Amino acid sequence: MIHEFGQRVRSNVSQVVVGKDDVVELALVALLCEGHVLFEDVPGIGKTTLAKALARSLGCTFARIQFTPDLLPSDVTGIVWYNQKTQDFDYRAGPLMAQVVLADEINRATPRTQSALLEAMQERQVTVDRETYPLPQPFLVLATQNPIELEGTFPLPEAQIDRFFIRTSLGYPTEAEENDILVRHTHADPLAELGPVAAAADILAMQAAVRDVRVEPSVRGYLVRVARATREHPAVDLGASPRGTLALYRACQAYAALSSRDYVLPDDIKKMAPHVLTHRIHISPQTRLRGRTAAEVVAEVVGEVETPVFG
């Protein structure tokens, strides 16, 4: 069921976004694990288009928040206002009350507004004037940010970055893919004709089913050693937390299910670790001065930890 769901969504999104099946798969992994995704790339790559196409394919309600320096927390969570007709206070929901939320250029908002997302992303609820309102299910935040242009931006705090289940980038298309993009947009926008291929109720059932994917003790031990090795690597000041270990565990379960398996392989851990752990470690200043990145360090850690062998 989950494998077929992944195939349908990837096929549907590919009608609009060319050559990014691997990125769509990562977004589906986050969705099945009740996590969120941070797309970090230069403008014009297709981050917003991918988020819209994914929301339409899932058959979920969609809202876009364009983050700017003057955006207030109440613009995101909603407000309580006095209704003169009913002589009572009513809650007017903000854009967070959608099932798929696109937080566009999230690093352009002030830290106060960014923090308004914390409770929603972690607790799946918002609090306005001491009243708590649950968010709809499923709930997925797809955030984008431009890592190149730093003027007028507010870097995400570590607590906020850690709330994102996966951080990834799209990258430039190949020559053939870019030519295909031109052909598809010649007469009309393919996004306008995109329809749903899934339902919210089905997604909730699959989120529960993913937790039943088996992880053998030897594979689980390998996963734990990979996460712990990030804390002991000489190039790392702060390694992945236990929350990062749990995120990697859940991601591997979802990836295995999308690959039509009911068990996790060590290769699943190698596949998911760069996307789940890279933004959760802090490399030392000396390592950065040498031109090394956190992604390179995670790849080195995964390569150094002994992989379990099944006879």
Protein backbone atom coordinates (compact mmCIF):
# COMPACT_ATOMS: atom_id res chain seq x y z
CA MET A 1 0.00 0.00 0.00
CA ILE A 2 2.70 2.49 0.98
CA HIS A 3 4.87 1.56 -1.99
CA GLU A 4 2.01 2.15 -4.43
CA PHE A 5 1.19 5.43 -2.68
CA GLY A 6 4.76 6.63 -3.17
CA GLN A 7 4.73 5.67 -6.83
CA ARG A 8 1.46 7.52 -7.48
CA VAL A 9 2.63 10.70 -5.78
CA ARG A 10 6.06 10.70 -7.47
CA SER A 11 4.45 10.12 -10.87
CA ASN A 12 1.91 12.88 -10.30
CA VAL A 13 4.44 15.45 -9.08
CA SER A 14 6.76 14.60 -11.99
CA GLN A 15 4.14 16.06 -14.33
CA VAL A 16 5.10 19.46 -12.94
CA VAL A 17 8.57 19.07 -11.40
CA VAL A 18 11.05 17.34 -13.69
CA GLY A 19 13.77 15.00 -12.44
CA LYS A 20 13.29 15.42 -8.69
CA ASP A 21 11.85 12.02 -7.73
CA ASP A 22 14.48 11.59 -5.01
CA VAL A 23 13.50 14.89 -3.37
CA VAL A 24 9.80 13.99 -3.55
CA GLU A 25 10.63 10.67 -1.92
CA LEU A 26 12.38 12.46 0.95
CA ALA A 27 9.32 14.66 1.43
CA LEU A 28 7.15 11.53 1.56
CA VAL A 29 9.49 10.02 4.15
CA ALA A 30 9.01 13.11 6.32
CA LEU A 31 5.24 13.02 5.80
CA LEU A 32 4.98 9.35 6.81
CA CYS A 33 7.06 10.07 9.91
CA GLU A 34 4.95 13.13 10.82
CA GLY A 35 7.99 15.35 10.24
CA HIS A 36 8.75 18.50 8.28
CA VAL A 37 11.11 19.41 5.44
CA LEU A 38 13.50 22.32 4.92
CA PHE A 39 14.40 22.99 1.28
CA GLU A 40 17.61 24.99 1.11
CA ASP A 41 18.57 26.19 -2.36
CA VAL A 42 18.97 29.24 -4.58
CA PRO A 43 15.88 30.99 -6.02
CA GLY A 44 14.21 29.70 -9.16
CA ILE A 45 15.06 26.04 -8.69
CA GLY A 46 11.44 24.95 -8.13
CA LYS A 47 11.09 24.72 -4.34
CA THR A 48 7.72 26.49 -4.21
CA THR A 49 6.40 24.63 -7.26
CA LEU A 50 7.36 21.28 -5.74
CA ALA A 51 5.60 22.14 -2.47
CA LYS A 52 2.40 23.13 -4.31
CA ALA A 53 2.50 20.04 -6.52
CA LEU A 54 3.01 17.80 -3.50
CA ALA A 55 0.09 19.37 -1.61
CA ARG A 56 -2.24 18.94 -4.59
CA SER A 57 -1.14 15.35 -5.11
CA LEU A 58 -1.86 14.48 -1.48
CA GLY A 59 -5.37 15.88 -1.60
CA CYS A 60 -4.68 18.05 1.45
CA THR A 61 -5.60 21.63 2.24
CA PHE A 62 -2.77 23.99 1.39
CA ALA A 63 -1.60 27.39 2.64
CA ARG A 64 1.41 29.50 1.74
CA ILE A 65 3.07 31.92 4.14
CA GLN A 66 5.46 34.41 2.56
CA PHE A 67 7.85 35.22 5.39
CA THR A 68 8.96 38.86 5.56
CA PRO A 69 10.61 40.95 8.30
CA ASP A 70 7.27 42.63 9.16
CA LEU A 71 5.34 39.35 9.52
CA LEU A 72 3.84 38.98 13.01
CA PRO A 73 3.29 35.74 14.94
CA SER A 74 -0.46 36.36 14.82
CA ASP A 75 -0.25 36.47 11.01
CA VAL A 76 0.84 32.83 11.21
CA THR A 77 -1.16 31.38 14.11
CA GLY A 78 -4.35 33.44 13.83
CA ILE A 79 -6.07 35.91 16.15
CA VAL A 80 -8.90 36.10 18.66
CA TRP A 81 -11.29 38.95 17.90
CA TYR A 82 -14.49 40.29 19.42
CA ASN A 83 -17.58 39.42 17.39
CA GLN A 84 -20.17 42.12 17.95
CA LYS A 85 -22.95 39.98 16.51
CA THR A 86 -22.46 37.11 18.94
CA GLN A 87 -21.10 39.32 21.75
CA ASP A 88 -18.27 36.85 22.19
CA PHE A 89 -14.62 36.33 21.27
CA ASP A 90 -13.99 34.16 18.20
CA TYR A 91 -10.85 32.57 16.89
CA ARG A 92 -9.92 33.45 13.32
CA ALA A 93 -7.55 30.75 12.11
CA GLY A 94 -4.23 31.63 10.53
CA PRO A 95 -2.59 29.87 7.59
CA LEU A 96 -1.09 27.26 9.94
CA MET A 97 -4.54 25.67 10.09
CA ALA A 98 -3.87 23.86 6.80
CA GLN A 99 -2.65 20.31 6.31
CA VAL A 100 0.29 21.28 4.09
CA VAL A 101 1.92 24.64 4.86
CA LEU A 102 4.55 26.24 2.64
CA ALA A 103 6.75 28.54 4.75
CA ASP A 104 8.44 30.44 1.93
CA GLU A 105 11.80 32.10 2.70
CA ILE A 106 11.46 31.29 6.37
CA ASN A 107 14.78 32.94 7.26
CA ARG A 108 13.42 36.38 6.27
CA ALA A 109 11.08 36.54 9.27
CA THR A 110 12.16 37.78 12.68
CA PRO A 111 13.07 35.22 15.37
CA ARG A 112 9.82 36.01 17.20
CA THR A 113 7.76 34.98 14.18
CA GLN A 114 9.97 31.98 13.48
CA SER A 115 9.41 30.77 17.02
CA ALA A 116 5.65 30.81 16.40
CA LEU A 117 6.23 27.75 14.26
CA LEU A 118 7.97 25.80 17.03
CA GLU A 119 4.88 24.75 18.95
CA ALA A 120 2.99 23.98 15.75
CA MET A 121 5.77 21.82 14.28
CA GLN A 122 6.48 19.90 17.45
CA GLU A 123 3.18 19.80 19.35
CA ARG A 124 0.82 20.09 16.35
CA GLN A 125 -1.18 22.79 18.03
CA VAL A 126 -1.21 26.59 18.33
CA THR A 127 -1.90 28.68 21.40
CA VAL A 128 -3.60 32.05 20.99
CA ASP A 129 -4.60 34.10 24.03
CA ARG A 130 -4.09 31.09 26.31
CA GLU A 131 -6.43 28.93 24.24
CA THR A 132 -5.00 25.87 22.47
CA TYR A 133 -6.22 24.85 19.03
CA PRO A 134 -5.22 21.49 17.50
CA LEU A 135 -3.89 21.49 13.94
CA PRO A 136 -5.50 19.37 11.22
CA GLN A 137 -4.07 15.96 10.46
CA PRO A 138 -1.93 15.14 8.62
CA PHE A 139 0.21 18.25 9.11
CA LEU A 140 3.32 18.94 7.04
CA VAL A 141 5.47 22.08 6.93
CA LEU A 142 7.56 22.57 3.80
CA ALA A 143 9.91 25.47 4.44
CA THR A 144 12.30 27.11 1.98
CA GLN A 145 15.29 29.34 2.45
CA ASN A 146 18.00 30.84 0.28
CA PRO A 147 21.47 30.01 1.69
CA ILE A 148 23.27 32.49 -0.57
CA GLU A 149 21.57 35.84 0.03
CA LEU A 150 22.06 36.69 3.71
CA GLU A 151 21.24 40.41 3.69
CA GLY A 152 18.02 41.08 5.58
CA THR A 153 17.71 37.52 6.86
CA PHE A 154 17.58 35.99 10.32
CA PRO A 155 19.37 32.60 10.52
CA LEU A 156 17.20 29.88 12.01
CA PRO A 157 18.08 29.05 15.62
CA GLU A 158 19.30 25.55 16.33
CA ALA A 159 16.09 24.61 18.13
CA GLN A 160 14.11 25.48 15.01
CA ILE A 161 16.42 23.67 12.60
CA ASP A 162 16.20 20.56 14.78
CA ARG A 163 12.40 20.59 14.34
CA PHE A 164 12.87 19.85 10.66
CA PHE A 165 12.92 16.12 10.07
CA ILE A 166 14.83 16.41 6.80
CA ARG A 167 16.89 19.15 5.17
CA THR A 168 17.61 18.80 1.49
CA SER A 169 18.17 20.77 -1.71
CA LEU A 170 16.91 20.41 -5.27
CA GLY A 171 19.94 21.45 -7.31
CA TYR A 172 20.00 22.57 -10.93
CA PRO A 173 18.35 20.33 -13.55
CA THR A 174 20.35 18.56 -16.24
CA GLU A 175 20.30 19.88 -19.80
CA ALA A 176 17.69 17.32 -20.85
CA GLU A 177 15.53 18.07 -17.80
CA GLU A 178 15.70 21.82 -18.41
CA ASN A 179 14.64 21.30 -22.02
CA ASP A 180 11.72 19.17 -20.80
CA ILE A 181 10.67 21.98 -18.45
CA LEU A 182 10.43 24.38 -21.39
CA VAL A 183 8.33 21.92 -23.38
CA ARG A 184 5.88 21.34 -20.52
CA HIS A 185 5.36 25.07 -19.92
CA THR A 186 4.98 26.02 -23.58
CA HIS A 187 1.18 26.23 -23.70
CA ALA A 188 0.01 26.13 -20.07
CA ASP A 189 1.09 25.72 -16.47
CA PRO A 190 0.89 21.96 -15.69
CA LEU A 191 0.34 22.75 -12.00
CA ALA A 192 -3.08 24.22 -12.78
CA GLU A 193 -4.33 20.85 -14.05
CA LEU A 194 -2.77 18.68 -11.34
CA GLY A 195 -5.24 16.61 -9.33
CA PRO A 196 -5.01 14.56 -6.10
CA VAL A 197 -3.88 10.93 -6.11
CA ALA A 198 -4.28 10.31 -2.36
CA ALA A 199 -6.56 11.22 0.54
CA ALA A 200 -5.79 12.55 4.00
CA ALA A 201 -7.42 9.57 5.73
CA ASP A 202 -5.19 7.17 3.81
CA ILE A 203 -2.10 9.13 4.83
CA LEU A 204 -3.01 8.82 8.52
CA ALA A 205 -3.38 5.06 8.12
CA MET A 206 0.02 4.80 6.42
CA GLN A 207 1.66 6.89 9.14
CA ALA A 208 0.52 4.29 11.65
CA ALA A 209 1.56 1.38 9.42
CA VAL A 210 5.12 2.69 9.02
CA ARG A 211 5.77 2.15 12.71
CA ASP A 212 5.30 -1.61 12.20
CA VAL A 213 8.28 -1.90 9.82
CA ARG A 214 10.76 -4.30 11.45
CA VAL A 215 14.23 -3.21 12.53
CA GLU A 216 16.38 -6.17 13.56
CA PRO A 217 18.58 -5.72 16.67
CA SER A 218 21.80 -5.81 14.64
CA VAL A 219 20.51 -3.13 12.27
CA ARG A 220 19.23 -1.05 15.16
CA GLY A 221 22.64 -1.34 16.81
CA TYR A 222 24.30 -0.15 13.60
CA LEU A 223 21.98 2.85 13.49
CA VAL A 224 22.80 3.76 17.08
CA ARG A 225 26.55 3.46 16.41
CA VAL A 226 26.26 5.78 13.41
CA ALA A 227 24.46 8.41 15.49
CA ARG A 228 26.90 8.09 18.39
CA ALA A 229 29.88 8.29 16.05
CA THR A 230 28.86 11.83 15.11
CA ARG A 231 29.44 12.84 18.74
CA GLU A 232 32.92 11.31 18.83
CA HIS A 233 34.24 12.54 15.47
CA PRO A 234 37.17 14.98 15.91
CA ALA A 235 35.68 17.41 13.37
CA VAL A 236 32.41 17.73 15.31
CA ASP A 237 31.79 20.01 18.28
CA LEU A 238 28.25 18.78 18.89
CA GLY A 239 26.91 15.52 17.50
CA ALA A 240 23.41 14.28 16.80
CA SER A 241 21.07 14.20 19.78
CA PRO A 242 18.88 11.22 20.76
CA ARG A 243 16.08 13.00 18.92
CA GLY A 244 18.25 12.80 15.82
CA THR A 245 18.76 9.08 16.43
CA LEU A 246 15.01 8.56 16.69
CA ALA A 247 14.44 10.62 13.54
CA LEU A 248 16.91 8.45 11.63
CA TYR A 249 15.18 5.31 12.95
CA ARG A 250 11.76 6.52 11.79
CA ALA A 251 13.11 7.73 8.44
CA CYS A 252 14.57 4.30 7.71
CA GLN A 253 11.24 2.65 8.50
CA ALA A 254 9.43 4.98 6.09
CA TYR A 255 12.05 4.57 3.36
CA ALA A 256 11.85 0.79 3.65
CA ALA A 257 8.05 0.92 3.37
CA LEU A 258 8.26 3.16 0.29
CA SER A 259 10.71 0.61 -1.15
CA SER A 260 8.10 -2.15 -0.72
CA ARG A 261 9.80 -3.79 2.25
CA ASP A 262 8.57 -4.48 5.78
CA TYR A 263 12.10 -4.50 7.23
CA VAL A 264 15.01 -2.04 7.37
CA LEU A 265 18.39 -2.71 5.77
CA PRO A 266 21.75 -1.13 6.68
CA ASP A 267 21.68 0.51 3.24
CA ASP A 268 18.54 2.39 4.31
CA ILE A 269 20.53 3.92 7.16
CA LYS A 270 23.31 4.94 4.78
CA LYS A 271 20.73 6.48 2.46
CA MET A 272 18.86 8.46 5.12
CA ALA A 273 21.71 9.54 7.43
CA PRO A 274 22.96 12.47 5.28
CA HIS A 275 19.46 13.96 5.04
CA VAL A 276 18.49 13.43 8.69
CA LEU A 277 21.75 14.01 10.59
CA THR A 278 23.66 16.67 8.63
CA HIS A 279 21.65 19.63 9.97
CA ARG A 280 21.74 18.19 13.49
CA ILE A 281 25.52 18.29 13.98
CA HIS A 282 27.85 21.24 14.50
CA ILE A 283 31.29 21.00 12.99
CA SER A 284 34.20 22.84 14.57
CA PRO A 285 35.37 26.24 13.26
CA GLN A 286 38.71 24.66 12.28
CA THR A 287 36.84 22.14 10.14
CA ARG A 288 34.92 24.91 8.37
CA LEU A 289 38.15 26.84 7.75
CA ARG A 290 39.54 23.77 6.02
CA GLY A 291 36.59 23.90 3.63
CA ARG A 292 34.84 20.78 4.92
CA THR A 293 31.08 20.59 5.33
CA ALA A 294 28.78 18.80 7.74
CA ALA A 295 27.56 16.60 4.88
CA GLU A 296 31.11 15.42 4.22
CA VAL A 297 31.61 14.64 7.89
CA VAL A 298 28.40 12.60 8.07
CA ALA A 299 29.39 10.69 4.94
CA GLU A 300 32.76 9.95 6.53
CA VAL A 301 31.10 8.76 9.75
CA VAL A 302 28.76 6.43 7.85
CA GLY A 303 31.73 5.02 5.93
CA GLU A 304 33.77 4.40 9.06
CA VAL A 305 31.16 2.58 11.15
CA GLU A 306 31.26 -1.16 10.55
CA THR A 307 28.20 -2.42 8.68
CA PRO A 308 26.52 -5.58 10.01
CA VAL A 309 26.86 -8.59 7.72
CA PHE A 310 24.12 -11.19 7.39
CA GLY A 311 25.27 -14.68 6.63
